[in-house]
Structures are given as C-alpha cells and as structure tokens.
Amino acid sequence: MTTATRQEVLGLYRRIFRLARKWQAASGQMEDTIKEKQYILNEARTLFQKNKNLTDARLIQQCIEECTARIEIGLHYQIPYPRPIHLPPMGLTPLRGRGLRNQEKLRKLSKPVYLQSHDEVS
C-alpha cells in the first residue's frame, strides 16, 4: 500500500468515526440513535479489520469506493444500513439459456458498489 493510499484509508476511517459521533437517527429517538451509532462503528471495525491485509491496489481501490459510496448514501438517506436491491429470483435475462449459474453470475455482477462486502460480513 502506498503512502497516499494509506492516508486515504485512514482518512476514511476517521471520517466514519466522526460521522458516528455526530449521527442522529431519522426517527429522533435516542435508542434508535444509539443503535445506529453502534452499527456504524461495528460495521466499520469489521470491514476495516477484514481488509487490513489487502495488498492488491485494485481491490484496495474497490474497498475505498465502496466505503465512500456507503458514507454518501448514509448521509443522503439518513440511514446507516446499506440499501437493499430488489431483484426477482430469475429476473436477469442471461445472454443464452436460463441456467441458474448464469443467473447467479449476473446477480453478482449487478450488485451495487456499496453492497459488495455486505453479504460477506452480515
């Protein structure tokens, strides 16, 4: 990891913790605010710990993009949880045939950047 990349990752980590400190739940309820703050901190710690040994620059950049997207979506929609995608089970049309493997591959390719690591952790 280059020095610039390391600084960018550490900056994102600090940004997440600052965001969690100032977070207010959309409902305005104190228990919801505490629960959402805890979720933000736990999710950040888990994902950063999981990815701390990455060395491939492309994978590191993907993680940075996912982190940035999740921060922006959380701020915009005022929810800390990733927004789910709703695809019917066989809703993606494969190029040829209707094999289940093709559907799984298309589903994986259609997953938004902010959900790339969600299923792996949750």
N, C-alpha and C. Protein backbone atom coordinates (compact mmCIF):
# COMPACT_ATOMS: atom_id res chain seq x y z
N MET A 1 0.85 -1.17 0.00
CA MET A 1 0.00 0.00 0.00
C MET A 1 0.89 1.23 0.00
N THR A 2 0.58 2.14 -0.90
CA THR A 2 1.37 3.36 -0.97
C THR A 2 0.99 4.29 0.19
N THR A 3 1.83 5.27 0.41
CA THR A 3 1.59 6.22 1.49
C THR A 3 0.30 7.00 1.25
N ALA A 4 0.07 7.39 0.00
CA ALA A 4 -1.14 8.16 -0.33
C ALA A 4 -2.40 7.32 -0.08
N THR A 5 -2.35 6.05 -0.48
CA THR A 5 -3.48 5.16 -0.26
C THR A 5 -3.72 4.94 1.22
N ARG A 6 -2.65 4.75 1.95
CA ARG A 6 -2.76 4.55 3.40
C ARG A 6 -3.41 5.77 4.06
N GLN A 7 -2.98 6.96 3.66
CA GLN A 7 -3.56 8.18 4.22
C GLN A 7 -5.04 8.31 3.86
N GLU A 8 -5.38 7.90 2.62
CA GLU A 8 -6.78 7.96 2.19
C GLU A 8 -7.64 7.00 3.02
N VAL A 9 -7.14 5.79 3.26
CA VAL A 9 -7.87 4.80 4.05
C VAL A 9 -8.03 5.27 5.49
N LEU A 10 -6.95 5.77 6.08
CA LEU A 10 -7.04 6.27 7.45
C LEU A 10 -7.97 7.48 7.55
N GLY A 11 -7.98 8.31 6.53
CA GLY A 11 -8.89 9.45 6.49
C GLY A 11 -10.35 9.00 6.44
N LEU A 12 -10.63 7.94 5.67
CA LEU A 12 -11.98 7.39 5.63
C LEU A 12 -12.38 6.82 6.99
N TYR A 13 -11.45 6.14 7.62
CA TYR A 13 -11.71 5.55 8.94
C TYR A 13 -12.05 6.64 9.96
N ARG A 14 -11.27 7.71 9.96
CA ARG A 14 -11.55 8.84 10.86
C ARG A 14 -12.89 9.50 10.51
N ARG A 15 -13.17 9.62 9.22
CA ARG A 15 -14.42 10.24 8.78
C ARG A 15 -15.63 9.44 9.27
N ILE A 16 -15.51 8.12 9.22
CA ILE A 16 -16.60 7.26 9.68
C ILE A 16 -16.82 7.44 11.18
N PHE A 17 -15.73 7.49 11.95
CA PHE A 17 -15.87 7.65 13.39
C PHE A 17 -16.43 9.03 13.75
N ARG A 18 -16.05 10.06 13.01
CA ARG A 18 -16.63 11.39 13.23
C ARG A 18 -18.12 11.39 12.89
N LEU A 19 -18.45 10.71 11.80
CA LEU A 19 -19.83 10.61 11.38
C LEU A 19 -20.66 9.89 12.45
N ALA A 20 -20.12 8.82 13.00
CA ALA A 20 -20.83 8.07 14.05
C ALA A 20 -21.02 8.92 15.30
N ARG A 21 -20.04 9.72 15.63
CA ARG A 21 -20.13 10.57 16.81
C ARG A 21 -21.26 11.60 16.67
N LYS A 22 -21.46 12.12 15.46
CA LYS A 22 -22.46 13.16 15.23
C LYS A 22 -23.80 12.61 14.72
N TRP A 23 -23.90 11.29 14.53
CA TRP A 23 -25.08 10.69 13.90
C TRP A 23 -26.34 10.90 14.74
N GLN A 24 -27.43 11.26 14.07
CA GLN A 24 -28.75 11.35 14.69
C GLN A 24 -29.71 10.49 13.86
N ALA A 25 -30.46 9.64 14.53
CA ALA A 25 -31.42 8.78 13.83
C ALA A 25 -32.53 9.64 13.22
N ALA A 26 -33.05 9.20 12.10
CA ALA A 26 -34.11 9.94 11.42
C ALA A 26 -35.38 9.97 12.27
N SER A 27 -35.57 8.96 13.11
CA SER A 27 -36.76 8.91 13.95
C SER A 27 -36.70 9.90 15.11
N GLY A 28 -35.49 10.33 15.46
CA GLY A 28 -35.32 11.25 16.56
C GLY A 28 -35.29 10.58 17.92
N GLN A 29 -35.48 9.27 17.97
CA GLN A 29 -35.48 8.52 19.22
C GLN A 29 -34.04 8.25 19.66
N MET A 30 -33.78 8.44 20.94
CA MET A 30 -32.43 8.27 21.46
C MET A 30 -31.95 6.82 21.32
N GLU A 31 -32.83 5.84 21.59
CA GLU A 31 -32.40 4.43 21.49
C GLU A 31 -32.09 4.04 20.05
N ASP A 32 -32.82 4.61 19.08
CA ASP A 32 -32.51 4.37 17.67
C ASP A 32 -31.16 4.99 17.31
N THR A 33 -30.90 6.18 17.81
CA THR A 33 -29.63 6.85 17.55
C THR A 33 -28.47 6.02 18.09
N ILE A 34 -28.60 5.53 19.31
CA ILE A 34 -27.53 4.72 19.91
C ILE A 34 -27.32 3.44 19.12
N LYS A 35 -28.42 2.79 18.73
CA LYS A 35 -28.33 1.54 17.96
C LYS A 35 -27.65 1.78 16.61
N GLU A 36 -28.01 2.87 15.94
CA GLU A 36 -27.42 3.17 14.63
C GLU A 36 -25.96 3.57 14.75
N LYS A 37 -25.62 4.33 15.78
CA LYS A 37 -24.20 4.69 16.00
C LYS A 37 -23.38 3.43 16.22
N GLN A 38 -23.91 2.51 17.03
CA GLN A 38 -23.19 1.26 17.31
C GLN A 38 -23.03 0.43 16.04
N TYR A 39 -24.07 0.41 15.19
CA TYR A 39 -23.99 -0.32 13.93
C TYR A 39 -22.89 0.26 13.05
N ILE A 40 -22.84 1.58 12.95
CA ILE A 40 -21.82 2.24 12.12
C ILE A 40 -20.42 1.86 12.60
N LEU A 41 -20.19 1.95 13.90
CA LEU A 41 -18.86 1.63 14.45
C LEU A 41 -18.51 0.16 14.27
N ASN A 42 -19.46 -0.73 14.55
CA ASN A 42 -19.18 -2.17 14.40
C ASN A 42 -18.92 -2.55 12.95
N GLU A 43 -19.72 -2.00 12.05
CA GLU A 43 -19.55 -2.30 10.62
C GLU A 43 -18.19 -1.80 10.13
N ALA A 44 -17.81 -0.59 10.53
CA ALA A 44 -16.52 -0.04 10.11
C ALA A 44 -15.38 -0.88 10.65
N ARG A 45 -15.42 -1.20 11.93
CA ARG A 45 -14.35 -2.02 12.52
C ARG A 45 -14.23 -3.37 11.83
N THR A 46 -15.37 -4.02 11.61
CA THR A 46 -15.38 -5.34 10.98
C THR A 46 -14.79 -5.30 9.58
N LEU A 47 -15.26 -4.36 8.77
CA LEU A 47 -14.78 -4.31 7.38
C LEU A 47 -13.32 -3.87 7.29
N PHE A 48 -12.91 -2.91 8.11
CA PHE A 48 -11.52 -2.47 8.05
C PHE A 48 -10.59 -3.59 8.55
N GLN A 49 -11.00 -4.33 9.59
CA GLN A 49 -10.19 -5.46 10.07
C GLN A 49 -10.10 -6.55 9.01
N LYS A 50 -11.23 -6.82 8.34
CA LYS A 50 -11.25 -7.86 7.31
C LYS A 50 -10.33 -7.52 6.15
N ASN A 51 -10.25 -6.24 5.82
CA ASN A 51 -9.50 -5.82 4.64
C ASN A 51 -8.12 -5.25 4.95
N LYS A 52 -7.67 -5.34 6.18
CA LYS A 52 -6.40 -4.69 6.53
C LYS A 52 -5.18 -5.33 5.88
N ASN A 53 -5.28 -6.58 5.45
CA ASN A 53 -4.13 -7.26 4.84
C ASN A 53 -4.17 -7.26 3.31
N LEU A 54 -5.07 -6.49 2.72
CA LEU A 54 -5.12 -6.43 1.25
C LEU A 54 -3.86 -5.74 0.72
N THR A 55 -3.33 -6.29 -0.37
CA THR A 55 -2.15 -5.69 -0.98
C THR A 55 -2.41 -5.29 -2.44
N ASP A 56 -3.42 -5.88 -3.05
CA ASP A 56 -3.73 -5.58 -4.45
C ASP A 56 -4.33 -4.17 -4.54
N ALA A 57 -3.70 -3.32 -5.33
CA ALA A 57 -4.14 -1.91 -5.44
C ALA A 57 -5.56 -1.81 -5.97
N ARG A 58 -5.94 -2.70 -6.89
CA ARG A 58 -7.29 -2.67 -7.47
C ARG A 58 -8.34 -3.00 -6.41
N LEU A 59 -8.09 -4.00 -5.58
CA LEU A 59 -9.02 -4.37 -4.52
C LEU A 59 -9.12 -3.28 -3.45
N ILE A 60 -8.00 -2.68 -3.13
CA ILE A 60 -8.00 -1.58 -2.16
C ILE A 60 -8.83 -0.43 -2.68
N GLN A 61 -8.68 -0.11 -3.96
CA GLN A 61 -9.45 0.98 -4.56
C GLN A 61 -10.94 0.66 -4.55
N GLN A 62 -11.31 -0.61 -4.81
CA GLN A 62 -12.71 -1.01 -4.75
C GLN A 62 -13.28 -0.81 -3.34
N CYS A 63 -12.51 -1.19 -2.34
CA CYS A 63 -12.95 -1.02 -0.95
C CYS A 63 -13.12 0.47 -0.61
N ILE A 64 -12.21 1.30 -1.10
CA ILE A 64 -12.31 2.74 -0.86
C ILE A 64 -13.57 3.29 -1.52
N GLU A 65 -13.84 2.86 -2.75
CA GLU A 65 -15.04 3.32 -3.46
C GLU A 65 -16.30 2.86 -2.74
N GLU A 66 -16.30 1.61 -2.25
CA GLU A 66 -17.46 1.11 -1.51
C GLU A 66 -17.68 1.92 -0.24
N CYS A 67 -16.63 2.19 0.47
CA CYS A 67 -16.71 2.96 1.71
C CYS A 67 -17.26 4.36 1.45
N THR A 68 -16.73 5.01 0.44
CA THR A 68 -17.19 6.35 0.09
C THR A 68 -18.66 6.33 -0.31
N ALA A 69 -19.06 5.35 -1.10
CA ALA A 69 -20.45 5.24 -1.54
C ALA A 69 -21.38 5.01 -0.36
N ARG A 70 -20.97 4.15 0.57
CA ARG A 70 -21.83 3.88 1.73
C ARG A 70 -21.95 5.11 2.63
N ILE A 71 -20.88 5.87 2.76
CA ILE A 71 -20.95 7.11 3.55
C ILE A 71 -21.92 8.08 2.91
N GLU A 72 -21.78 8.30 1.61
CA GLU A 72 -22.63 9.26 0.91
C GLU A 72 -24.10 8.83 0.91
N ILE A 73 -24.37 7.55 0.71
CA ILE A 73 -25.74 7.06 0.73
C ILE A 73 -26.33 7.19 2.13
N GLY A 74 -25.53 6.86 3.15
CA GLY A 74 -26.00 7.00 4.53
C GLY A 74 -26.35 8.43 4.87
N LEU A 75 -25.52 9.36 4.45
CA LEU A 75 -25.79 10.77 4.72
C LEU A 75 -27.02 11.27 3.94
N HIS A 76 -27.13 10.83 2.70
CA HIS A 76 -28.24 11.30 1.87
C HIS A 76 -29.59 10.78 2.38
N TYR A 77 -29.67 9.47 2.66
CA TYR A 77 -30.93 8.87 3.06
C TYR A 77 -31.14 8.84 4.58
N GLN A 78 -30.16 9.27 5.34
CA GLN A 78 -30.22 9.28 6.80
C GLN A 78 -30.47 7.90 7.39
N ILE A 79 -29.89 6.86 6.75
CA ILE A 79 -29.92 5.52 7.30
C ILE A 79 -28.50 4.95 7.21
N PRO A 80 -28.03 4.32 8.27
CA PRO A 80 -26.67 3.78 8.22
C PRO A 80 -26.57 2.43 7.52
N TYR A 81 -27.71 1.77 7.31
CA TYR A 81 -27.70 0.43 6.74
C TYR A 81 -27.64 0.50 5.22
N PRO A 82 -27.00 -0.49 4.59
CA PRO A 82 -26.95 -0.49 3.12
C PRO A 82 -28.36 -0.64 2.54
N ARG A 83 -28.62 0.06 1.47
CA ARG A 83 -29.91 -0.04 0.82
C ARG A 83 -29.99 -1.34 0.05
N PRO A 84 -31.00 -2.14 0.27
CA PRO A 84 -31.10 -3.43 -0.43
C PRO A 84 -31.46 -3.23 -1.90
N ILE A 85 -31.10 -4.22 -2.68
CA ILE A 85 -31.51 -4.22 -4.08
C ILE A 85 -32.60 -5.27 -4.21
N HIS A 86 -33.59 -5.00 -5.01
CA HIS A 86 -34.71 -5.91 -5.16
C HIS A 86 -34.74 -6.46 -6.57
N LEU A 87 -34.27 -7.70 -6.71
CA LEU A 87 -34.31 -8.37 -8.00
C LEU A 87 -35.10 -9.67 -7.83
N PRO A 88 -36.06 -9.93 -8.70
CA PRO A 88 -36.76 -11.21 -8.61
C PRO A 88 -35.78 -12.35 -8.87
N PRO A 89 -36.05 -13.55 -8.34
CA PRO A 89 -35.11 -14.67 -8.44
C PRO A 89 -34.57 -14.94 -9.84
N MET A 90 -35.38 -14.94 -10.87
CA MET A 90 -34.90 -15.18 -12.23
C MET A 90 -35.13 -13.94 -13.08
N GLY A 91 -34.93 -12.77 -12.51
CA GLY A 91 -35.25 -11.51 -13.17
C GLY A 91 -34.22 -11.00 -14.15
N LEU A 92 -33.02 -11.55 -14.13
CA LEU A 92 -31.98 -11.09 -15.04
C LEU A 92 -31.92 -12.03 -16.24
N THR A 93 -32.03 -11.48 -17.41
CA THR A 93 -32.03 -12.30 -18.60
C THR A 93 -30.60 -12.65 -18.99
N PRO A 94 -30.27 -13.95 -19.05
CA PRO A 94 -28.92 -14.34 -19.46
C PRO A 94 -28.75 -14.17 -20.97
N LEU A 95 -27.50 -14.15 -21.39
CA LEU A 95 -27.22 -13.99 -22.82
C LEU A 95 -27.73 -15.20 -23.61
N ARG A 96 -27.52 -16.40 -23.09
CA ARG A 96 -28.06 -17.59 -23.73
C ARG A 96 -28.46 -18.59 -22.65
N GLY A 97 -29.63 -19.21 -22.86
CA GLY A 97 -30.11 -20.20 -21.91
C GLY A 97 -30.61 -19.59 -20.63
N ARG A 98 -31.17 -20.41 -19.78
CA ARG A 98 -31.70 -19.94 -18.49
C ARG A 98 -31.11 -20.74 -17.35
N GLY A 99 -29.81 -20.90 -17.33
CA GLY A 99 -29.17 -21.66 -16.27
C GLY A 99 -29.08 -20.88 -14.97
N LEU A 100 -29.14 -21.61 -13.87
CA LEU A 100 -29.06 -20.98 -12.56
C LEU A 100 -27.69 -20.34 -12.34
N ARG A 101 -26.64 -20.98 -12.86
CA ARG A 101 -25.29 -20.40 -12.72
C ARG A 101 -25.19 -19.06 -13.41
N ASN A 102 -25.79 -18.95 -14.59
CA ASN A 102 -25.78 -17.67 -15.30
C ASN A 102 -26.52 -16.60 -14.50
N GLN A 103 -27.65 -16.98 -13.89
CA GLN A 103 -28.41 -16.02 -13.08
C GLN A 103 -27.58 -15.56 -11.88
N GLU A 104 -26.89 -16.50 -11.22
CA GLU A 104 -26.07 -16.13 -10.06
C GLU A 104 -24.93 -15.21 -10.47
N LYS A 105 -24.32 -15.49 -11.61
CA LYS A 105 -23.23 -14.65 -12.10
C LYS A 105 -23.74 -13.25 -12.44
N LEU A 106 -24.88 -13.16 -13.14
CA LEU A 106 -25.45 -11.86 -13.48
C LEU A 106 -25.86 -11.10 -12.23
N ARG A 107 -26.41 -11.80 -11.25
CA ARG A 107 -26.81 -11.16 -9.99
C ARG A 107 -25.60 -10.59 -9.28
N LYS A 108 -24.48 -11.33 -9.28
CA LYS A 108 -23.26 -10.85 -8.64
C LYS A 108 -22.71 -9.63 -9.38
N LEU A 109 -22.76 -9.65 -10.70
CA LEU A 109 -22.26 -8.53 -11.49
C LEU A 109 -23.14 -7.29 -11.34
N SER A 110 -24.43 -7.49 -11.06
CA SER A 110 -25.35 -6.35 -10.96
C SER A 110 -25.38 -5.74 -9.57
N LYS A 111 -24.64 -6.30 -8.63
CA LYS A 111 -24.64 -5.81 -7.25
C LYS A 111 -23.99 -4.43 -7.19
N PRO A 112 -24.65 -3.46 -6.57
CA PRO A 112 -24.08 -2.11 -6.48
C PRO A 112 -22.79 -2.09 -5.67
N VAL A 113 -21.98 -1.08 -5.90
CA VAL A 113 -20.67 -0.99 -5.26
C VAL A 113 -20.80 -0.90 -3.74
N TYR A 114 -21.85 -0.29 -3.25
CA TYR A 114 -21.99 -0.12 -1.82
C TYR A 114 -22.43 -1.40 -1.10
N LEU A 115 -22.74 -2.46 -1.85
CA LEU A 115 -23.14 -3.73 -1.24
C LEU A 115 -22.13 -4.84 -1.47
N GLN A 116 -20.96 -4.54 -2.01
CA GLN A 116 -20.01 -5.58 -2.37
C GLN A 116 -19.62 -6.46 -1.19
N SER A 117 -19.40 -5.88 -0.03
CA SER A 117 -18.94 -6.67 1.11
C SER A 117 -20.06 -6.95 2.11
N HIS A 118 -21.28 -6.53 1.82
CA HIS A 118 -22.35 -6.67 2.80
C HIS A 118 -22.67 -8.12 3.11
N ASP A 119 -22.84 -8.98 2.12
CA ASP A 119 -23.19 -10.38 2.37
C ASP A 119 -22.05 -11.15 3.03
N GLU A 120 -20.82 -10.75 2.78
CA GLU A 120 -19.67 -11.44 3.35
C GLU A 120 -19.58 -11.23 4.86
N VAL A 121 -20.00 -10.07 5.33
CA VAL A 121 -19.88 -9.73 6.75
C VAL A 121 -21.13 -10.10 7.52
N SER A 122 -22.29 -9.79 6.98
CA SER A 122 -23.55 -9.97 7.70
C SER A 122 -23.92 -11.41 7.89
